[in-house]
Amino acid sequence: MVDSLHRLKNELQGTGVTLMRLRQEGVPNPIDFLIANTPKNGVLGFDGAVVSARNYLHLTQALKRKECEVIYNRRSCWHGLG
């Protein structure tokens, strides 16, 4: 595990991509990160089969306030919630 993390850090060096480990101090959860980093009038797309209904509702409500468009595939059990 340590070797793969070290290799990944090296591979990402200079790419502009930052490795963030979940549940570490100062690291936002993925949903809050998406909300914070989707610009006003932006577009966020995701696979509805891997996002929970709770996270879907949180994302769409927060991004609606930023006048963003949310695009997802509808092959999920919660597609009627929006």
PDB file of N, CA and C in Angstrom:
ATOM      1  N   MET A   1       0.829  -1.194   0.000  1.00  0.00           N
ATOM      2  CA  MET A   1       0.000   0.000   0.000  1.00  0.00           C
ATOM      3  C   MET A   1       0.873   1.256   0.000  1.00  0.00           C
ATOM      4  N   VAL A   2       1.879   1.280   0.839  1.00  0.00           N
ATOM      5  CA  VAL A   2       2.754   2.450   0.917  1.00  0.00           C
ATOM      6  C   VAL A   2       3.486   2.644  -0.401  1.00  0.00           C
ATOM      7  N   ASP A   3       3.956   1.546  -1.018  1.00  0.00           N
ATOM      8  CA  ASP A   3       4.661   1.657  -2.299  1.00  0.00           C
ATOM      9  C   ASP A   3       3.747   2.217  -3.386  1.00  0.00           C
ATOM     10  N   SER A   4       2.489   1.769  -3.418  1.00  0.00           N
ATOM     11  CA  SER A   4       1.583   2.250  -4.456  1.00  0.00           C
ATOM     12  C   SER A   4       1.233   3.723  -4.250  1.00  0.00           C
ATOM     13  N   LEU A   5       1.086   4.162  -2.997  1.00  0.00           N
ATOM     14  CA  LEU A   5       0.831   5.583  -2.733  1.00  0.00           C
ATOM     15  C   LEU A   5       2.020   6.434  -3.145  1.00  0.00           C
ATOM     16  N   HIS A   6       3.221   5.959  -2.846  1.00  0.00           N
ATOM     17  CA  HIS A   6       4.438   6.685  -3.217  1.00  0.00           C
ATOM     18  C   HIS A   6       4.540   6.779  -4.745  1.00  0.00           C
ATOM     19  N   ARG A   7       4.252   5.682  -5.435  1.00  0.00           N
ATOM     20  CA  ARG A   7       4.298   5.668  -6.900  1.00  0.00           C
ATOM     21  C   ARG A   7       3.246   6.617  -7.473  1.00  0.00           C
ATOM     22  N   LEU A   8       2.047   6.605  -6.898  1.00  0.00           N
ATOM     23  CA  LEU A   8       0.987   7.488  -7.373  1.00  0.00           C
ATOM     24  C   LEU A   8       1.355   8.954  -7.174  1.00  0.00           C
ATOM     25  N   LYS A   9       1.906   9.284  -6.017  1.00  0.00           N
ATOM     26  CA  LYS A   9       2.343  10.668  -5.779  1.00  0.00           C
ATOM     27  C   LYS A   9       3.356  11.094  -6.828  1.00  0.00           C
ATOM     28  N   ASN A  10       4.293  10.209  -7.153  1.00  0.00           N
ATOM     29  CA  ASN A  10       5.298  10.526  -8.171  1.00  0.00           C
ATOM     30  C   ASN A  10       4.662  10.708  -9.545  1.00  0.00           C
ATOM     31  N   GLU A  11       3.694   9.852  -9.888  1.00  0.00           N
ATOM     32  CA  GLU A  11       3.045   9.947 -11.184  1.00  0.00           C
ATOM     33  C   GLU A  11       2.229  11.228 -11.316  1.00  0.00           C
ATOM     34  N   LEU A  12       1.666  11.708 -10.218  1.00  0.00           N
ATOM     35  CA  LEU A  12       0.844  12.913 -10.259  1.00  0.00           C
ATOM     36  C   LEU A  12       1.663  14.204 -10.201  1.00  0.00           C
ATOM     37  N   GLN A  13       2.907  14.105  -9.832  1.00  0.00           N
ATOM     38  CA  GLN A  13       3.750  15.288  -9.687  1.00  0.00           C
ATOM     39  C   GLN A  13       3.808  16.074 -11.002  1.00  0.00           C
ATOM     40  N   GLY A  14       3.496  17.354 -10.914  1.00  0.00           N
ATOM     41  CA  GLY A  14       3.542  18.234 -12.070  1.00  0.00           C
ATOM     42  C   GLY A  14       2.306  18.199 -12.953  1.00  0.00           C
ATOM     43  N   THR A  15       1.301  17.424 -12.577  1.00  0.00           N
ATOM     44  CA  THR A  15       0.093  17.318 -13.409  1.00  0.00           C
ATOM     45  C   THR A  15      -0.990  18.318 -13.004  1.00  0.00           C
ATOM     46  N   GLY A  16      -0.857  18.922 -11.819  1.00  0.00           N
ATOM     47  CA  GLY A  16      -1.902  19.807 -11.317  1.00  0.00           C
ATOM     48  C   GLY A  16      -2.967  19.055 -10.532  1.00  0.00           C
ATOM     49  N   VAL A  17      -2.842  17.739 -10.464  1.00  0.00           N
ATOM     50  CA  VAL A  17      -3.776  16.911  -9.709  1.00  0.00           C
ATOM     51  C   VAL A  17      -3.211  16.691  -8.314  1.00  0.00           C
ATOM     52  N   THR A  18      -4.049  16.879  -7.296  1.00  0.00           N
ATOM     53  CA  THR A  18      -3.623  16.698  -5.916  1.00  0.00           C
ATOM     54  C   THR A  18      -4.256  15.434  -5.346  1.00  0.00           C
ATOM     55  N   LEU A  19      -3.447  14.583  -4.784  1.00  0.00           N
ATOM     56  CA  LEU A  19      -3.931  13.369  -4.142  1.00  0.00           C
ATOM     57  C   LEU A  19      -4.502  13.732  -2.780  1.00  0.00           C
ATOM     58  N   MET A  20      -5.752  13.369  -2.540  1.00  0.00           N
ATOM     59  CA  MET A  20      -6.393  13.631  -1.251  1.00  0.00           C
ATOM     60  C   MET A  20      -6.925  12.322  -0.706  1.00  0.00           C
ATOM     61  N   ARG A  21      -6.638  12.043   0.543  1.00  0.00           N
ATOM     62  CA  ARG A  21      -7.074  10.798   1.163  1.00  0.00           C
ATOM     63  C   ARG A  21      -8.297  11.061   2.026  1.00  0.00           C
ATOM     64  N   LEU A  22      -9.350  10.284   1.785  1.00  0.00           N
ATOM     65  CA  LEU A  22     -10.599  10.436   2.528  1.00  0.00           C
ATOM     66  C   LEU A  22     -10.387  10.355   4.028  1.00  0.00           C
ATOM     67  N   ARG A  23     -11.217  11.111   4.729  1.00  0.00           N
ATOM     68  CA  ARG A  23     -11.271  11.116   6.194  1.00  0.00           C
ATOM     69  C   ARG A  23      -9.958  11.556   6.853  1.00  0.00           C
ATOM     70  N   GLN A  24      -9.172  12.337   6.124  1.00  0.00           N
ATOM     71  CA  GLN A  24      -7.969  12.919   6.699  1.00  0.00           C
ATOM     72  C   GLN A  24      -8.265  14.377   7.036  1.00  0.00           C
ATOM     73  N   GLU A  25      -7.646  14.867   8.074  1.00  0.00           N
ATOM     74  CA  GLU A  25      -7.868  16.252   8.491  1.00  0.00           C
ATOM     75  C   GLU A  25      -7.582  17.206   7.333  1.00  0.00           C
ATOM     76  N   GLY A  26      -8.515  18.119   7.108  1.00  0.00           N
ATOM     77  CA  GLY A  26      -8.355  19.116   6.058  1.00  0.00           C
ATOM     78  C   GLY A  26      -8.779  18.660   4.668  1.00  0.00           C
ATOM     79  N   VAL A  27      -9.205  17.411   4.541  1.00  0.00           N
ATOM     80  CA  VAL A  27      -9.633  16.890   3.238  1.00  0.00           C
ATOM     81  C   VAL A  27     -11.159  16.898   3.200  1.00  0.00           C
ATOM     82  N   PRO A  28     -11.756  17.614   2.233  1.00  0.00           N
ATOM     83  CA  PRO A  28     -13.225  17.666   2.161  1.00  0.00           C
ATOM     84  C   PRO A  28     -13.794  16.332   1.708  1.00  0.00           C
ATOM     85  N   ASN A  29     -15.051  16.084   2.074  1.00  0.00           N
ATOM     86  CA  ASN A  29     -15.671  14.874   1.542  1.00  0.00           C
ATOM     87  C   ASN A  29     -15.952  15.127   0.054  1.00  0.00           C
ATOM     88  N   PRO A  30     -16.078  14.070  -0.747  1.00  0.00           N
ATOM     89  CA  PRO A  30     -16.208  14.251  -2.197  1.00  0.00           C
ATOM     90  C   PRO A  30     -17.405  15.097  -2.625  1.00  0.00           C
ATOM     91  N   ILE A  31     -18.535  14.977  -1.953  1.00  0.00           N
ATOM     92  CA  ILE A  31     -19.718  15.748  -2.348  1.00  0.00           C
ATOM     93  C   ILE A  31     -19.491  17.234  -2.106  1.00  0.00           C
ATOM     94  N   ASP A  32     -18.966  17.595  -0.936  1.00  0.00           N
ATOM     95  CA  ASP A  32     -18.672  19.003  -0.656  1.00  0.00           C
ATOM     96  C   ASP A  32     -17.611  19.553  -1.616  1.00  0.00           C
ATOM     97  N   PHE A  33     -16.645  18.710  -1.976  1.00  0.00           N
ATOM     98  CA  PHE A  33     -15.612  19.121  -2.930  1.00  0.00           C
ATOM     99  C   PHE A  33     -16.245  19.451  -4.281  1.00  0.00           C
ATOM    100  N   LEU A  34     -17.148  18.582  -4.750  1.00  0.00           N
ATOM    101  CA  LEU A  34     -17.815  18.825  -6.036  1.00  0.00           C
ATOM    102  C   LEU A  34     -18.628  20.114  -6.014  1.00  0.00           C
ATOM    103  N   ILE A  35     -19.344  20.332  -4.928  1.00  0.00           N
ATOM    104  CA  ILE A  35     -20.158  21.554  -4.808  1.00  0.00           C
ATOM    105  C   ILE A  35     -19.261  22.793  -4.819  1.00  0.00           C
ATOM    106  N   ALA A  36     -18.200  22.751  -4.048  1.00  0.00           N
ATOM    107  CA  ALA A  36     -17.304  23.907  -3.948  1.00  0.00           C
ATOM    108  C   ALA A  36     -16.561  24.189  -5.258  1.00  0.00           C
ATOM    109  N   ASN A  37     -16.280  23.152  -6.035  1.00  0.00           N
ATOM    110  CA  ASN A  37     -15.450  23.319  -7.226  1.00  0.00           C
ATOM    111  C   ASN A  37     -16.218  23.328  -8.535  1.00  0.00           C
ATOM    112  N   THR A  38     -17.531  23.230  -8.486  1.00  0.00           N
ATOM    113  CA  THR A  38     -18.337  23.398  -9.692  1.00  0.00           C
ATOM    114  C   THR A  38     -18.668  24.883  -9.792  1.00  0.00           C
ATOM    115  N   PRO A  39     -18.213  25.539 -10.849  1.00  0.00           N
ATOM    116  CA  PRO A  39     -18.422  26.989 -10.947  1.00  0.00           C
ATOM    117  C   PRO A  39     -19.883  27.358 -11.198  1.00  0.00           C
ATOM    118  N   LYS A  40     -20.227  28.592 -10.874  1.00  0.00           N
ATOM    119  CA  LYS A  40     -21.571  29.093 -11.164  1.00  0.00           C
ATOM    120  C   LYS A  40     -21.848  28.881 -12.651  1.00  0.00           C
ATOM    121  N   ASN A  41     -23.062  28.425 -12.947  1.00  0.00           N
ATOM    122  CA  ASN A  41     -23.485  28.105 -14.313  1.00  0.00           C
ATOM    123  C   ASN A  41     -22.709  26.936 -14.912  1.00  0.00           C
ATOM    124  N   GLY A  42     -22.041  26.154 -14.051  1.00  0.00           N
ATOM    125  CA  GLY A  42     -21.273  25.004 -14.513  1.00  0.00           C
ATOM    126  C   GLY A  42     -22.150  23.791 -14.753  1.00  0.00           C
ATOM    127  N   VAL A  43     -21.506  22.713 -15.133  1.00  0.00           N
ATOM    128  CA  VAL A  43     -22.193  21.450 -15.389  1.00  0.00           C
ATOM    129  C   VAL A  43     -21.461  20.356 -14.637  1.00  0.00           C
ATOM    130  N   LEU A  44     -22.230  19.520 -13.926  1.00  0.00           N
ATOM    131  CA  LEU A  44     -21.662  18.363 -13.228  1.00  0.00           C
ATOM    132  C   LEU A  44     -22.355  17.125 -13.752  1.00  0.00           C
ATOM    133  N   GLY A  45     -21.593  16.144 -14.190  1.00  0.00           N
ATOM    134  CA  GLY A  45     -22.148  14.892 -14.672  1.00  0.00           C
ATOM    135  C   GLY A  45     -21.644  13.740 -13.837  1.00  0.00           C
ATOM    136  N   PHE A  46     -22.512  12.752 -13.618  1.00  0.00           N
ATOM    137  CA  PHE A  46     -22.098  11.567 -12.869  1.00  0.00           C
ATOM    138  C   PHE A  46     -22.971  10.382 -13.220  1.00  0.00           C
ATOM    139  N   ASP A  47     -22.519   9.210 -12.826  1.00  0.00           N
ATOM    140  CA  ASP A  47     -23.242   7.963 -13.038  1.00  0.00           C
ATOM    141  C   ASP A  47     -24.208   7.768 -11.885  1.00  0.00           C
ATOM    142  N   GLY A  48     -25.488   7.827 -12.167  1.00  0.00           N
ATOM    143  CA  GLY A  48     -26.505   7.696 -11.132  1.00  0.00           C
ATOM    144  C   GLY A  48     -26.506   6.355 -10.430  1.00  0.00           C
ATOM    145  N   ALA A  49     -25.851   5.356 -11.007  1.00  0.00           N
ATOM    146  CA  ALA A  49     -25.797   4.043 -10.381  1.00  0.00           C
ATOM    147  C   ALA A  49     -24.811   3.998  -9.209  1.00  0.00           C
ATOM    148  N   VAL A  50     -23.948   5.006  -9.091  1.00  0.00           N
ATOM    149  CA  VAL A  50     -22.948   4.981  -8.021  1.00  0.00           C
ATOM    150  C   VAL A  50     -23.081   6.138  -7.035  1.00  0.00           C
ATOM    151  N   VAL A  51     -24.109   6.949  -7.192  1.00  0.00           N
ATOM    152  CA  VAL A  51     -24.358   8.068  -6.275  1.00  0.00           C
ATOM    153  C   VAL A  51     -25.665   7.783  -5.534  1.00  0.00           C
ATOM    154  N   SER A  52     -25.622   7.873  -4.230  1.00  0.00           N
ATOM    155  CA  SER A  52     -26.826   7.596  -3.442  1.00  0.00           C
ATOM    156  C   SER A  52     -27.886   8.667  -3.664  1.00  0.00           C
ATOM    157  N   ALA A  53     -29.142   8.321  -3.368  1.00  0.00           N
ATOM    158  CA  ALA A  53     -30.238   9.287  -3.485  1.00  0.00           C
ATOM    159  C   ALA A  53     -29.989  10.486  -2.587  1.00  0.00           C
ATOM    160  N   ARG A  54     -29.482  10.240  -1.409  1.00  0.00           N
ATOM    161  CA  ARG A  54     -29.192  11.337  -0.469  1.00  0.00           C
ATOM    162  C   ARG A  54     -28.161  12.306  -1.059  1.00  0.00           C
ATOM    163  N   ASN A  55     -27.076  11.758  -1.605  1.00  0.00           N
ATOM    164  CA  ASN A  55     -26.053  12.617  -2.199  1.00  0.00           C
ATOM    165  C   ASN A  55     -26.569  13.311  -3.451  1.00  0.00           C
ATOM    166  N   TYR A  56     -27.386  12.624  -4.231  1.00  0.00           N
ATOM    167  CA  TYR A  56     -27.991  13.230  -5.410  1.00  0.00           C
ATOM    168  C   TYR A  56     -28.818  14.456  -5.015  1.00  0.00           C
ATOM    169  N   LEU A  57     -29.676  14.299  -4.013  1.00  0.00           N
ATOM    170  CA  LEU A  57     -30.511  15.419  -3.579  1.00  0.00           C
ATOM    171  C   LEU A  57     -29.670  16.567  -3.050  1.00  0.00           C
ATOM    172  N   HIS A  58     -28.648  16.243  -2.264  1.00  0.00           N
ATOM    173  CA  HIS A  58     -27.760  17.273  -1.718  1.00  0.00           C
ATOM    174  C   HIS A  58     -27.055  18.019  -2.858  1.00  0.00           C
ATOM    175  N   LEU A  59     -26.526  17.276  -3.818  1.00  0.00           N
ATOM    176  CA  LEU A  59     -25.835  17.898  -4.952  1.00  0.00           C
ATOM    177  C   LEU A  59     -26.769  18.786  -5.765  1.00  0.00           C
ATOM    178  N   THR A  60     -27.920  18.257  -6.132  1.00  0.00           N
ATOM    179  CA  THR A  60     -28.813  19.031  -6.999  1.00  0.00           C
ATOM    180  C   THR A  60     -29.335  20.277  -6.304  1.00  0.00           C
ATOM    181  N   GLN A  61     -29.639  20.185  -5.019  1.00  0.00           N
ATOM    182  CA  GLN A  61     -30.123  21.371  -4.296  1.00  0.00           C
ATOM    183  C   GLN A  61     -29.040  22.421  -4.174  1.00  0.00           C
ATOM    184  N   ALA A  62     -27.822  21.995  -3.824  1.00  0.00           N
ATOM    185  CA  ALA A  62     -26.729  22.955  -3.659  1.00  0.00           C
ATOM    186  C   ALA A  62     -26.333  23.578  -4.998  1.00  0.00           C
ATOM    187  N   LEU A  63     -26.287  22.768  -6.046  1.00  0.00           N
ATOM    188  CA  LEU A  63     -25.865  23.290  -7.339  1.00  0.00           C
ATOM    189  C   LEU A  63     -26.957  24.104  -8.027  1.00  0.00           C
ATOM    190  N   LYS A  64     -28.202  23.871  -7.670  1.00  0.00           N
ATOM    191  CA  LYS A  64     -29.293  24.694  -8.207  1.00  0.00           C
ATOM    192  C   LYS A  64     -29.100  26.146  -7.767  1.00  0.00           C
ATOM    193  N   ARG A  65     -28.651  26.335  -6.526  1.00  0.00           N
ATOM    194  CA  ARG A  65     -28.397  27.693  -6.019  1.00  0.00           C
ATOM    195  C   ARG A  65     -27.272  28.379  -6.788  1.00  0.00           C
ATOM    196  N   LYS A  66     -26.393  27.580  -7.396  1.00  0.00           N
ATOM    197  CA  LYS A  66     -25.303  28.134  -8.200  1.00  0.00           C
ATOM    198  C   LYS A  66     -25.663  28.166  -9.683  1.00  0.00           C
ATOM    199  N   GLU A  67     -26.946  27.879  -9.985  1.00  0.00           N
ATOM    200  CA  GLU A  67     -27.455  27.875 -11.345  1.00  0.00           C
ATOM    201  C   GLU A  67     -26.686  26.905 -12.248  1.00  0.00           C
ATOM    202  N   CYS A  68     -26.355  25.752 -11.688  1.00  0.00           N
ATOM    203  CA  CYS A  68     -25.618  24.721 -12.421  1.00  0.00           C
ATOM    204  C   CYS A  68     -26.565  23.682 -12.990  1.00  0.00           C
ATOM    205  N   GLU A  69     -26.086  22.986 -13.981  1.00  0.00           N
ATOM    206  CA  GLU A  69     -26.820  21.872 -14.564  1.00  0.00           C
ATOM    207  C   GLU A  69     -26.217  20.577 -14.035  1.00  0.00           C
ATOM    208  N   VAL A  70     -27.064  19.643 -13.646  1.00  0.00           N
ATOM    209  CA  VAL A  70     -26.605  18.335 -13.187  1.00  0.00           C
ATOM    210  C   VAL A  70     -27.085  17.305 -14.200  1.00  0.00           C
ATOM    211  N   ILE A  71     -26.151  16.537 -14.737  1.00  0.00           N
ATOM    212  CA  ILE A  71     -26.463  15.522 -15.736  1.00  0.00           C
ATOM    213  C   ILE A  71     -26.063  14.165 -15.164  1.00  0.00           C
ATOM    214  N   TYR A  72     -26.947  13.196 -15.272  1.00  0.00           N
ATOM    215  CA  TYR A  72     -26.652  11.851 -14.772  1.00  0.00           C
ATOM    216  C   TYR A  72     -27.405  10.846 -15.610  1.00  0.00           C
ATOM    217  N   ASN A  73     -26.929   9.603 -15.592  1.00  0.00           N
ATOM    218  CA  ASN A  73     -27.698   8.585 -16.295  1.00  0.00           C
ATOM    219  C   ASN A  73     -28.861   8.191 -15.404  1.00  0.00           C
ATOM    220  N   ARG A  74     -29.929   7.778 -15.973  1.00  0.00           N
ATOM    221  CA  ARG A  74     -31.152   7.510 -15.216  1.00  0.00           C
ATOM    222  C   ARG A  74     -31.366   6.025 -14.961  1.00  0.00           C
ATOM    223  N   ARG A  75     -30.347   5.233 -15.051  1.00  0.00           N
ATOM    224  CA  ARG A  75     -30.488   3.805 -14.790  1.00  0.00           C
ATOM    225  C   ARG A  75     -30.320   3.513 -13.293  1.00  0.00           C
ATOM    226  N   SER A  76     -30.968   4.275 -12.486  1.00  0.00           N
ATOM    227  CA  SER A  76     -30.852   4.078 -11.043  1.00  0.00           C
ATOM    228  C   SER A  76     -32.241   4.056 -10.431  1.00  0.00           C
ATOM    229  N   CYS A  77     -32.315   3.622  -9.212  1.00  0.00           N
ATOM    230  CA  CYS A  77     -33.627   3.467  -8.558  1.00  0.00           C
ATOM    231  C   CYS A  77     -34.201   4.800  -8.098  1.00  0.00           C
ATOM    232  N   TRP A  78     -33.438   5.893  -8.114  1.00  0.00           N
ATOM    233  CA  TRP A  78     -33.918   7.163  -7.575  1.00  0.00           C
ATOM    234  C   TRP A  78     -34.196   8.201  -8.636  1.00  0.00           C
ATOM    235  N   HIS A  79     -34.223   7.841  -9.916  1.00  0.00           N
ATOM    236  CA  HIS A  79     -34.299   8.845 -10.974  1.00  0.00           C
ATOM    237  C   HIS A  79     -35.546   9.725 -10.921  1.00  0.00           C
ATOM    238  N   GLY A  80     -36.572   9.335 -10.217  1.00  0.00           N
ATOM    239  CA  GLY A  80     -37.766  10.168 -10.126  1.00  0.00           C
ATOM    240  C   GLY A  80     -37.721  11.219  -9.036  1.00  0.00           C
ATOM    241  N   LEU A  81     -36.624  11.288  -8.300  1.00  0.00           N
ATOM    242  CA  LEU A  81     -36.532  12.230  -7.179  1.00  0.00           C
ATOM    243  C   LEU A  81     -36.318  13.672  -7.618  1.00  0.00           C
ATOM    244  N   GLY A  82     -35.709  13.887  -8.761  1.00  0.00           N
ATOM    245  CA  GLY A  82     -35.365  15.235  -9.183  1.00  0.00           C
ATOM    246  C   GLY A  82     -36.508  15.967  -9.762  1.00  0.00           C
TER     247      GLY A  82
END
